[in-house]
Amino acid sequence: SSDSDKIKCNSSGRVTQIGVDDRLVARGKLPVDVALLSDSLESLYFSLVGFSGNIPTELGMISELRNLKLRVNKLVGSIPTELGRLTNLEYLDLWRNK
């Protein structure tokens, strides 16, 4: 288990990190509901999960996002221009998608 393989909250109980590495927890598309955490989520790690389809444009609404790792999934298509709104983004990893 890596440090990115966790769910973390801040002192106020707000979710700041969702991490699932190397475990099949879901099939299908990346859940757009993570955008509901737009005012607190700083890190989103979904590696080797098996998500398919496009990268959701809704991820561009997560204004506090600093780290986005979606490596080794089955995501297709272009990187959404909406990710350009992530002005706090420091780390983006989309390695080994389609």
PDB file of N, CA and C in Angstrom:
ATOM      1  N   SER A   1       0.842  -1.191   0.000  1.00  0.00           N
ATOM      2  CA  SER A   1       0.000   0.000   0.000  1.00  0.00           C
ATOM      3  C   SER A   1       0.883   1.249   0.000  1.00  0.00           C
ATOM      4  N   SER A   2       0.671   2.115  -0.948  1.00  0.00           N
ATOM      5  CA  SER A   2       1.451   3.346  -1.017  1.00  0.00           C
ATOM      6  C   SER A   2       0.704   4.470  -0.322  1.00  0.00           C
ATOM      7  N   ASP A   3       1.373   5.583  -0.162  1.00  0.00           N
ATOM      8  CA  ASP A   3       0.741   6.729   0.476  1.00  0.00           C
ATOM      9  C   ASP A   3      -0.434   7.242  -0.344  1.00  0.00           C
ATOM     10  N   SER A   4      -0.365   7.016  -1.675  1.00  0.00           N
ATOM     11  CA  SER A   4      -1.456   7.489  -2.531  1.00  0.00           C
ATOM     12  C   SER A   4      -2.645   6.530  -2.513  1.00  0.00           C
ATOM     13  N   ASP A   5      -2.507   5.414  -1.813  1.00  0.00           N
ATOM     14  CA  ASP A   5      -3.553   4.399  -1.771  1.00  0.00           C
ATOM     15  C   ASP A   5      -4.405   4.565  -0.514  1.00  0.00           C
ATOM     16  N   LYS A   6      -4.930   5.770  -0.329  1.00  0.00           N
ATOM     17  CA  LYS A   6      -5.670   6.083   0.894  1.00  0.00           C
ATOM     18  C   LYS A   6      -6.713   7.157   0.631  1.00  0.00           C
ATOM     19  N   ILE A   7      -7.642   7.238   1.557  1.00  0.00           N
ATOM     20  CA  ILE A   7      -8.546   8.383   1.597  1.00  0.00           C
ATOM     21  C   ILE A   7      -8.138   9.197   2.809  1.00  0.00           C
ATOM     22  N   LYS A   8      -7.913  10.483   2.606  1.00  0.00           N
ATOM     23  CA  LYS A   8      -7.478  11.356   3.694  1.00  0.00           C
ATOM     24  C   LYS A   8      -8.462  12.512   3.851  1.00  0.00           C
ATOM     25  N   CYS A   9      -8.580  12.965   5.092  1.00  0.00           N
ATOM     26  CA  CYS A   9      -9.416  14.125   5.404  1.00  0.00           C
ATOM     27  C   CYS A   9      -8.581  15.150   6.153  1.00  0.00           C
ATOM     28  N   ASN A  10      -9.008  16.410   6.086  1.00  0.00           N
ATOM     29  CA  ASN A  10      -8.336  17.449   6.851  1.00  0.00           C
ATOM     30  C   ASN A  10      -8.923  17.514   8.260  1.00  0.00           C
ATOM     31  N   SER A  11      -8.476  18.457   9.053  1.00  0.00           N
ATOM     32  CA  SER A  11      -8.931  18.557  10.445  1.00  0.00           C
ATOM     33  C   SER A  11     -10.412  18.886  10.560  1.00  0.00           C
ATOM     34  N   SER A  12     -11.002  19.403   9.486  1.00  0.00           N
ATOM     35  CA  SER A  12     -12.443  19.700   9.474  1.00  0.00           C
ATOM     36  C   SER A  12     -13.269  18.515   9.000  1.00  0.00           C
ATOM     37  N   GLY A  13     -12.597  17.413   8.661  1.00  0.00           N
ATOM     38  CA  GLY A  13     -13.302  16.230   8.193  1.00  0.00           C
ATOM     39  C   GLY A  13     -13.646  16.251   6.717  1.00  0.00           C
ATOM     40  N   ARG A  14     -13.096  17.192   5.977  1.00  0.00           N
ATOM     41  CA  ARG A  14     -13.354  17.281   4.540  1.00  0.00           C
ATOM     42  C   ARG A  14     -12.340  16.426   3.789  1.00  0.00           C
ATOM     43  N   VAL A  15     -12.806  15.718   2.773  1.00  0.00           N
ATOM     44  CA  VAL A  15     -11.945  14.820   2.009  1.00  0.00           C
ATOM     45  C   VAL A  15     -10.947  15.630   1.186  1.00  0.00           C
ATOM     46  N   THR A  16      -9.651  15.327   1.386  1.00  0.00           N
ATOM     47  CA  THR A  16      -8.603  16.005   0.633  1.00  0.00           C
ATOM     48  C   THR A  16      -7.895  15.070  -0.340  1.00  0.00           C
ATOM     49  N   GLN A  17      -8.041  13.747  -0.141  1.00  0.00           N
ATOM     50  CA  GLN A  17      -7.392  12.798  -1.034  1.00  0.00           C
ATOM     51  C   GLN A  17      -8.241  11.547  -1.187  1.00  0.00           C
ATOM     52  N   ILE A  18      -8.349  11.093  -2.422  1.00  0.00           N
ATOM     53  CA  ILE A  18      -8.936   9.793  -2.722  1.00  0.00           C
ATOM     54  C   ILE A  18      -7.882   9.041  -3.511  1.00  0.00           C
ATOM     55  N   GLY A  19      -7.501   7.881  -3.009  1.00  0.00           N
ATOM     56  CA  GLY A  19      -6.471   7.117  -3.683  1.00  0.00           C
ATOM     57  C   GLY A  19      -6.800   5.643  -3.741  1.00  0.00           C
ATOM     58  N   VAL A  20      -6.772   5.093  -4.930  1.00  0.00           N
ATOM     59  CA  VAL A  20      -6.956   3.654  -5.135  1.00  0.00           C
ATOM     60  C   VAL A  20      -5.925   3.239  -6.174  1.00  0.00           C
ATOM     61  N   ASP A  21      -4.917   2.517  -5.734  1.00  0.00           N
ATOM     62  CA  ASP A  21      -3.880   2.040  -6.632  1.00  0.00           C
ATOM     63  C   ASP A  21      -3.888   0.519  -6.646  1.00  0.00           C
ATOM     64  N   ASP A  22      -3.910  -0.050  -7.831  1.00  0.00           N
ATOM     65  CA  ASP A  22      -3.725  -1.488  -8.021  1.00  0.00           C
ATOM     66  C   ASP A  22      -4.820  -2.342  -7.390  1.00  0.00           C
ATOM     67  N   ARG A  23      -6.026  -1.843  -7.381  1.00  0.00           N
ATOM     68  CA  ARG A  23      -7.156  -2.634  -6.908  1.00  0.00           C
ATOM     69  C   ARG A  23      -8.342  -2.354  -7.812  1.00  0.00           C
ATOM     70  N   LEU A  24      -9.015  -3.393  -8.179  1.00  0.00           N
ATOM     71  CA  LEU A  24     -10.198  -3.213  -9.015  1.00  0.00           C
ATOM     72  C   LEU A  24     -11.388  -2.941  -8.106  1.00  0.00           C
ATOM     73  N   VAL A  25     -11.775  -1.691  -7.992  1.00  0.00           N
ATOM     74  CA  VAL A  25     -12.900  -1.322  -7.137  1.00  0.00           C
ATOM     75  C   VAL A  25     -14.143  -1.009  -7.950  1.00  0.00           C
ATOM     76  N   ALA A  26     -13.951  -0.745  -9.213  1.00  0.00           N
ATOM     77  CA  ALA A  26     -15.090  -0.373 -10.054  1.00  0.00           C
ATOM     78  C   ALA A  26     -14.755  -0.670 -11.499  1.00  0.00           C
ATOM     79  N   ARG A  27     -15.759  -0.856 -12.257  1.00  0.00           N
ATOM     80  CA  ARG A  27     -15.588  -0.986 -13.702  1.00  0.00           C
ATOM     81  C   ARG A  27     -16.388   0.132 -14.345  1.00  0.00           C
ATOM     82  N   GLY A  28     -16.001   0.441 -15.556  1.00  0.00           N
ATOM     83  CA  GLY A  28     -16.747   1.463 -16.270  1.00  0.00           C
ATOM     84  C   GLY A  28     -16.032   2.786 -16.262  1.00  0.00           C
ATOM     85  N   LYS A  29     -16.797   3.830 -16.201  1.00  0.00           N
ATOM     86  CA  LYS A  29     -16.251   5.178 -16.333  1.00  0.00           C
ATOM     87  C   LYS A  29     -15.821   5.740 -14.982  1.00  0.00           C
ATOM     88  N   LEU A  30     -14.873   6.662 -15.049  1.00  0.00           N
ATOM     89  CA  LEU A  30     -14.430   7.362 -13.861  1.00  0.00           C
ATOM     90  C   LEU A  30     -15.610   8.143 -13.290  1.00  0.00           C
ATOM     91  N   PRO A  31     -15.896   8.028 -11.996  1.00  0.00           N
ATOM     92  CA  PRO A  31     -17.086   8.701 -11.441  1.00  0.00           C
ATOM     93  C   PRO A  31     -16.956  10.221 -11.453  1.00  0.00           C
ATOM     94  N   VAL A  32     -17.935  10.879 -12.038  1.00  0.00           N
ATOM     95  CA  VAL A  32     -17.906  12.346 -12.091  1.00  0.00           C
ATOM     96  C   VAL A  32     -18.276  12.953 -10.739  1.00  0.00           C
ATOM     97  N   ASP A  33     -18.824  12.147  -9.844  1.00  0.00           N
ATOM     98  CA  ASP A  33     -19.228  12.651  -8.529  1.00  0.00           C
ATOM     99  C   ASP A  33     -18.062  13.177  -7.697  1.00  0.00           C
ATOM    100  N   VAL A  34     -16.823  12.812  -8.050  1.00  0.00           N
ATOM    101  CA  VAL A  34     -15.694  13.354  -7.297  1.00  0.00           C
ATOM    102  C   VAL A  34     -15.641  14.874  -7.429  1.00  0.00           C
ATOM    103  N   ALA A  35     -16.253  15.420  -8.460  1.00  0.00           N
ATOM    104  CA  ALA A  35     -16.290  16.877  -8.635  1.00  0.00           C
ATOM    105  C   ALA A  35     -17.096  17.556  -7.530  1.00  0.00           C
ATOM    106  N   LEU A  36     -17.929  16.804  -6.816  1.00  0.00           N
ATOM    107  CA  LEU A  36     -18.678  17.376  -5.695  1.00  0.00           C
ATOM    108  C   LEU A  36     -17.755  17.773  -4.545  1.00  0.00           C
ATOM    109  N   LEU A  37     -16.533  17.287  -4.566  1.00  0.00           N
ATOM    110  CA  LEU A  37     -15.547  17.628  -3.543  1.00  0.00           C
ATOM    111  C   LEU A  37     -14.649  18.765  -4.009  1.00  0.00           C
ATOM    112  N   SER A  38     -15.168  19.606  -4.887  1.00  0.00           N
ATOM    113  CA  SER A  38     -14.352  20.612  -5.567  1.00  0.00           C
ATOM    114  C   SER A  38     -13.680  21.606  -4.631  1.00  0.00           C
ATOM    115  N   ASP A  39     -14.231  21.840  -3.444  1.00  0.00           N
ATOM    116  CA  ASP A  39     -13.639  22.841  -2.563  1.00  0.00           C
ATOM    117  C   ASP A  39     -12.657  22.248  -1.555  1.00  0.00           C
ATOM    118  N   SER A  40     -12.418  20.925  -1.601  1.00  0.00           N
ATOM    119  CA  SER A  40     -11.484  20.347  -0.637  1.00  0.00           C
ATOM    120  C   SER A  40     -10.516  19.325  -1.241  1.00  0.00           C
ATOM    121  N   LEU A  41     -10.887  18.671  -2.327  1.00  0.00           N
ATOM    122  CA  LEU A  41     -10.064  17.588  -2.866  1.00  0.00           C
ATOM    123  C   LEU A  41      -8.779  18.123  -3.483  1.00  0.00           C
ATOM    124  N   GLU A  42      -7.641  17.655  -2.972  1.00  0.00           N
ATOM    125  CA  GLU A  42      -6.339  18.087  -3.461  1.00  0.00           C
ATOM    126  C   GLU A  42      -5.636  17.011  -4.278  1.00  0.00           C
ATOM    127  N   SER A  43      -5.937  15.746  -4.006  1.00  0.00           N
ATOM    128  CA  SER A  43      -5.248  14.648  -4.690  1.00  0.00           C
ATOM    129  C   SER A  43      -6.235  13.570  -5.089  1.00  0.00           C
ATOM    130  N   LEU A  44      -6.132  13.139  -6.328  1.00  0.00           N
ATOM    131  CA  LEU A  44      -6.986  12.079  -6.856  1.00  0.00           C
ATOM    132  C   LEU A  44      -6.093  11.074  -7.560  1.00  0.00           C
ATOM    133  N   TYR A  45      -6.043   9.866  -7.012  1.00  0.00           N
ATOM    134  CA  TYR A  45      -5.178   8.808  -7.540  1.00  0.00           C
ATOM    135  C   TYR A  45      -6.032   7.600  -7.890  1.00  0.00           C
ATOM    136  N   PHE A  46      -6.162   7.287  -9.164  1.00  0.00           N
ATOM    137  CA  PHE A  46      -6.857   6.078  -9.626  1.00  0.00           C
ATOM    138  C   PHE A  46      -5.939   5.396 -10.636  1.00  0.00           C
ATOM    139  N   SER A  47      -5.084   4.505 -10.167  1.00  0.00           N
ATOM    140  CA  SER A  47      -4.151   3.802 -11.041  1.00  0.00           C
ATOM    141  C   SER A  47      -4.465   2.322 -11.070  1.00  0.00           C
ATOM    142  N   LEU A  48      -4.375   1.734 -12.258  1.00  0.00           N
ATOM    143  CA  LEU A  48      -4.616   0.297 -12.429  1.00  0.00           C
ATOM    144  C   LEU A  48      -6.007  -0.117 -11.967  1.00  0.00           C
ATOM    145  N   VAL A  49      -6.965   0.770 -12.115  1.00  0.00           N
ATOM    146  CA  VAL A  49      -8.328   0.486 -11.665  1.00  0.00           C
ATOM    147  C   VAL A  49      -9.170  -0.115 -12.788  1.00  0.00           C
ATOM    148  N   GLY A  50      -8.876   0.241 -14.019  1.00  0.00           N
ATOM    149  CA  GLY A  50      -9.619  -0.298 -15.148  1.00  0.00           C
ATOM    150  C   GLY A  50     -10.701   0.608 -15.682  1.00  0.00           C
ATOM    151  N   PHE A  51     -10.641   1.897 -15.321  1.00  0.00           N
ATOM    152  CA  PHE A  51     -11.627   2.836 -15.848  1.00  0.00           C
ATOM    153  C   PHE A  51     -11.467   2.956 -17.357  1.00  0.00           C
ATOM    154  N   SER A  52     -12.587   3.118 -18.054  1.00  0.00           N
ATOM    155  CA  SER A  52     -12.581   3.282 -19.503  1.00  0.00           C
ATOM    156  C   SER A  52     -13.363   4.540 -19.862  1.00  0.00           C
ATOM    157  N   GLY A  53     -13.410   4.835 -21.144  1.00  0.00           N
ATOM    158  CA  GLY A  53     -14.128   6.025 -21.603  1.00  0.00           C
ATOM    159  C   GLY A  53     -13.229   7.244 -21.559  1.00  0.00           C
ATOM    160  N   ASN A  54     -13.836   8.395 -21.671  1.00  0.00           N
ATOM    161  CA  ASN A  54     -13.109   9.662 -21.683  1.00  0.00           C
ATOM    162  C   ASN A  54     -12.819  10.138 -20.270  1.00  0.00           C
ATOM    163  N   ILE A  55     -11.819  10.997 -20.160  1.00  0.00           N
ATOM    164  CA  ILE A  55     -11.569  11.680 -18.892  1.00  0.00           C
ATOM    165  C   ILE A  55     -12.703  12.679 -18.706  1.00  0.00           C
ATOM    166  N   PRO A  56     -13.422  12.623 -17.593  1.00  0.00           N
ATOM    167  CA  PRO A  56     -14.566  13.522 -17.409  1.00  0.00           C
ATOM    168  C   PRO A  56     -14.162  14.991 -17.377  1.00  0.00           C
ATOM    169  N   THR A  57     -14.905  15.803 -18.103  1.00  0.00           N
ATOM    170  CA  THR A  57     -14.642  17.244 -18.092  1.00  0.00           C
ATOM    171  C   THR A  57     -14.889  17.833 -16.708  1.00  0.00           C
ATOM    172  N   GLU A  58     -15.731  17.178 -15.915  1.00  0.00           N
ATOM    173  CA  GLU A  58     -16.064  17.661 -14.567  1.00  0.00           C
ATOM    174  C   GLU A  58     -14.843  17.748 -13.660  1.00  0.00           C
ATOM    175  N   LEU A  59     -13.791  17.000 -13.972  1.00  0.00           N
ATOM    176  CA  LEU A  59     -12.581  17.083 -13.155  1.00  0.00           C
ATOM    177  C   LEU A  59     -12.013  18.500 -13.158  1.00  0.00           C
ATOM    178  N   GLY A  60     -12.297  19.254 -14.190  1.00  0.00           N
ATOM    179  CA  GLY A  60     -11.857  20.642 -14.262  1.00  0.00           C
ATOM    180  C   GLY A  60     -12.515  21.547 -13.246  1.00  0.00           C
ATOM    181  N   MET A  61     -13.537  21.050 -12.555  1.00  0.00           N
ATOM    182  CA  MET A  61     -14.241  21.833 -11.529  1.00  0.00           C
ATOM    183  C   MET A  61     -13.599  21.689 -10.149  1.00  0.00           C
ATOM    184  N   ILE A  62     -12.638  20.784 -10.001  1.00  0.00           N
ATOM    185  CA  ILE A  62     -12.031  20.529  -8.687  1.00  0.00           C
ATOM    186  C   ILE A  62     -10.915  21.548  -8.477  1.00  0.00           C
ATOM    187  N   SER A  63     -11.292  22.715  -8.045  1.00  0.00           N
ATOM    188  CA  SER A  63     -10.398  23.873  -8.033  1.00  0.00           C
ATOM    189  C   SER A  63      -9.179  23.712  -7.137  1.00  0.00           C
ATOM    190  N   GLU A  64      -9.250  22.893  -6.113  1.00  0.00           N
ATOM    191  CA  GLU A  64      -8.123  22.711  -5.200  1.00  0.00           C
ATOM    192  C   GLU A  64      -7.185  21.581  -5.624  1.00  0.00           C
ATOM    193  N   LEU A  65      -7.484  20.908  -6.728  1.00  0.00           N
ATOM    194  CA  LEU A  65      -6.727  19.735  -7.135  1.00  0.00           C
ATOM    195  C   LEU A  65      -5.272  20.077  -7.444  1.00  0.00           C
ATOM    196  N   ARG A  66      -4.364  19.367  -6.782  1.00  0.00           N
ATOM    197  CA  ARG A  66      -2.926  19.549  -6.978  1.00  0.00           C
ATOM    198  C   ARG A  66      -2.299  18.344  -7.661  1.00  0.00           C
ATOM    199  N   ASN A  67      -2.847  17.163  -7.421  1.00  0.00           N
ATOM    200  CA  ASN A  67      -2.292  15.916  -7.944  1.00  0.00           C
ATOM    201  C   ASN A  67      -3.391  15.095  -8.605  1.00  0.00           C
ATOM    202  N   LEU A  68      -3.170  14.713  -9.854  1.00  0.00           N
ATOM    203  CA  LEU A  68      -4.125  13.883 -10.589  1.00  0.00           C
ATOM    204  C   LEU A  68      -3.360  12.751 -11.254  1.00  0.00           C
ATOM    205  N   LYS A  69      -3.597  11.539 -10.783  1.00  0.00           N
ATOM    206  CA  LYS A  69      -2.896  10.366 -11.318  1.00  0.00           C
ATOM    207  C   LYS A  69      -3.935   9.352 -11.781  1.00  0.00           C
ATOM    208  N   LEU A  70      -3.992   9.144 -13.090  1.00  0.00           N
ATOM    209  CA  LEU A  70      -4.943   8.214 -13.701  1.00  0.00           C
ATOM    210  C   LEU A  70      -4.194   7.199 -14.563  1.00  0.00           C
ATOM    211  N   ARG A  71      -3.019   6.799 -14.152  1.00  0.00           N
ATOM    212  CA  ARG A  71      -2.154   5.946 -14.979  1.00  0.00           C
ATOM    213  C   ARG A  71      -2.674   4.520 -15.072  1.00  0.00           C
ATOM    214  N   VAL A  72      -2.345   3.896 -16.190  1.00  0.00           N
ATOM    215  CA  VAL A  72      -2.634   2.490 -16.475  1.00  0.00           C
ATOM    216  C   VAL A  72      -4.124   2.168 -16.287  1.00  0.00           C
ATOM    217  N   ASN A  73      -4.953   2.878 -17.015  1.00  0.00           N
ATOM    218  CA  ASN A  73      -6.376   2.581 -17.114  1.00  0.00           C
ATOM    219  C   ASN A  73      -6.665   2.342 -18.595  1.00  0.00           C
ATOM    220  N   LYS A  74      -7.906   2.469 -18.991  1.00  0.00           N
ATOM    221  CA  LYS A  74      -8.282   2.296 -20.397  1.00  0.00           C
ATOM    222  C   LYS A  74      -8.975   3.554 -20.899  1.00  0.00           C
ATOM    223  N   LEU A  75      -8.523   4.699 -20.414  1.00  0.00           N
ATOM    224  CA  LEU A  75      -9.119   5.968 -20.800  1.00  0.00           C
ATOM    225  C   LEU A  75      -8.732   6.292 -22.238  1.00  0.00           C
ATOM    226  N   VAL A  76      -9.669   6.897 -22.969  1.00  0.00           N
ATOM    227  CA  VAL A  76      -9.457   7.209 -24.382  1.00  0.00           C
ATOM    228  C   VAL A  76      -9.766   8.677 -24.642  1.00  0.00           C
ATOM    229  N   GLY A  77      -9.396   9.120 -25.825  1.00  0.00           N
ATOM    230  CA  GLY A  77      -9.733  10.477 -26.240  1.00  0.00           C
ATOM    231  C   GLY A  77      -8.698  11.494 -25.824  1.00  0.00           C
ATOM    232  N   SER A  78      -9.036  12.724 -26.055  1.00  0.00           N
ATOM    233  CA  SER A  78      -8.145  13.843 -25.756  1.00  0.00           C
ATOM    234  C   SER A  78      -8.227  14.226 -24.286  1.00  0.00           C
ATOM    235  N   ILE A  79      -7.199  14.932 -23.850  1.00  0.00           N
ATOM    236  CA  ILE A  79      -7.231  15.508 -22.504  1.00  0.00           C
ATOM    237  C   ILE A  79      -8.196  16.679 -22.554  1.00  0.00           C
ATOM    238  N   PRO A  80      -9.215  16.692 -21.691  1.00  0.00           N
ATOM    239  CA  PRO A  80     -10.211  17.777 -21.747  1.00  0.00           C
ATOM    240  C   PRO A  80      -9.588  19.149 -21.495  1.00  0.00           C
ATOM    241  N   THR A  81      -9.995  20.113 -22.281  1.00  0.00           N
ATOM    242  CA  THR A  81      -9.490  21.481 -22.094  1.00  0.00           C
ATOM    243  C   THR A  81      -9.876  22.027 -20.725  1.00  0.00           C
ATOM    244  N   GLU A  82     -10.940  21.491 -20.133  1.00  0.00           N
ATOM    245  CA  GLU A  82     -11.395  21.935 -18.808  1.00  0.00           C
ATOM    246  C   GLU A  82     -10.326  21.712 -17.736  1.00  0.00           C
ATOM    247  N   LEU A  83      -9.414  20.772 -17.963  1.00  0.00           N
ATOM    248  CA  LEU A  83      -8.341  20.563 -16.992  1.00  0.00           C
ATOM    249  C   LEU A  83      -7.420  21.782 -16.925  1.00  0.00           C
ATOM    250  N   GLY A  84      -7.483  22.639 -17.929  1.00  0.00           N
ATOM    251  CA  GLY A  84      -6.721  23.882 -17.913  1.00  0.00           C
ATOM    252  C   GLY A  84      -7.166  24.841 -16.823  1.00  0.00           C
ATOM    253  N   ARG A  85      -8.351  24.611 -16.274  1.00  0.00           N
ATOM    254  CA  ARG A  85      -8.856  25.451 -15.166  1.00  0.00           C
ATOM    255  C   ARG A  85      -8.196  25.101 -13.841  1.00  0.00           C
ATOM    256  N   LEU A  86      -7.478  23.996 -13.786  1.00  0.00           N
ATOM    257  CA  LEU A  86      -6.872  23.526 -12.536  1.00  0.00           C
ATOM    258  C   LEU A  86      -5.571  24.286 -12.274  1.00  0.00           C
ATOM    259  N   THR A  87      -5.709  25.504 -11.811  1.00  0.00           N
ATOM    260  CA  THR A  87      -4.555  26.386 -11.643  1.00  0.00           C
ATOM    261  C   THR A  87      -3.635  25.947 -10.514  1.00  0.00           C
ATOM    262  N   ASN A  88      -4.097  25.087  -9.613  1.00  0.00           N
ATOM    263  CA  ASN A  88      -3.254  24.576  -8.532  1.00  0.00           C
ATOM    264  C   ASN A  88      -2.575  23.260  -8.884  1.00  0.00           C
ATOM    265  N   LEU A  89      -2.867  22.711 -10.077  1.00  0.00           N
ATOM    266  CA  LEU A  89      -2.351  21.404 -10.452  1.00  0.00           C
ATOM    267  C   LEU A  89      -0.825  21.424 -10.572  1.00  0.00           C
ATOM    268  N   GLU A  90      -0.177  20.519  -9.821  1.00  0.00           N
ATOM    269  CA  GLU A  90       1.281  20.412  -9.833  1.00  0.00           C
ATOM    270  C   GLU A  90       1.745  19.106 -10.473  1.00  0.00           C
ATOM    271  N   TYR A  91       0.898  18.073 -10.441  1.00  0.00           N
ATOM    272  CA  TYR A  91       1.303  16.747 -10.913  1.00  0.00           C
ATOM    273  C   TYR A  91       0.157  16.122 -11.702  1.00  0.00           C
ATOM    274  N   LEU A  92       0.435  15.741 -12.937  1.00  0.00           N
ATOM    275  CA  LEU A  92      -0.548  15.089 -13.797  1.00  0.00           C
ATOM    276  C   LEU A  92       0.104  13.851 -14.394  1.00  0.00           C
ATOM    277  N   ASP A  93      -0.508  12.678 -14.188  1.00  0.00           N
ATOM    278  CA  ASP A  93       0.039  11.423 -14.692  1.00  0.00           C
ATOM    279  C   ASP A  93      -1.066  10.654 -15.403  1.00  0.00           C
ATOM    280  N   LEU A  94      -0.979  10.593 -16.731  1.00  0.00           N
ATOM    281  CA  LEU A  94      -1.959   9.874 -17.553  1.00  0.00           C
ATOM    282  C   LEU A  94      -1.288   8.735 -18.317  1.00  0.00           C
ATOM    283  N   TRP A  95      -0.148   8.287 -17.863  1.00  0.00           N
ATOM    284  CA  TRP A  95       0.663   7.290 -18.537  1.00  0.00           C
ATOM    285  C   TRP A  95      -0.121   5.990 -18.766  1.00  0.00           C
ATOM    286  N   ARG A  96       0.081   5.395 -19.907  1.00  0.00           N
ATOM    287  CA  ARG A  96      -0.482   4.111 -20.305  1.00  0.00           C
ATOM    288  C   ARG A  96      -1.996   4.074 -20.301  1.00  0.00           C
ATOM    289  N   ASN A  97      -2.580   5.009 -20.980  1.00  0.00           N
ATOM    290  CA  ASN A  97      -3.980   4.978 -21.348  1.00  0.00           C
ATOM    291  C   ASN A  97      -4.007   4.884 -22.867  1.00  0.00           C
ATOM    292  N   LYS A  98      -5.189   4.978 -23.467  1.00  0.00           N
ATOM    293  CA  LYS A  98      -5.257   4.814 -24.920  1.00  0.00           C
ATOM    294  C   LYS A  98      -5.324   6.130 -25.654  1.00  0.00           C
TER     295      LYS A  98
END
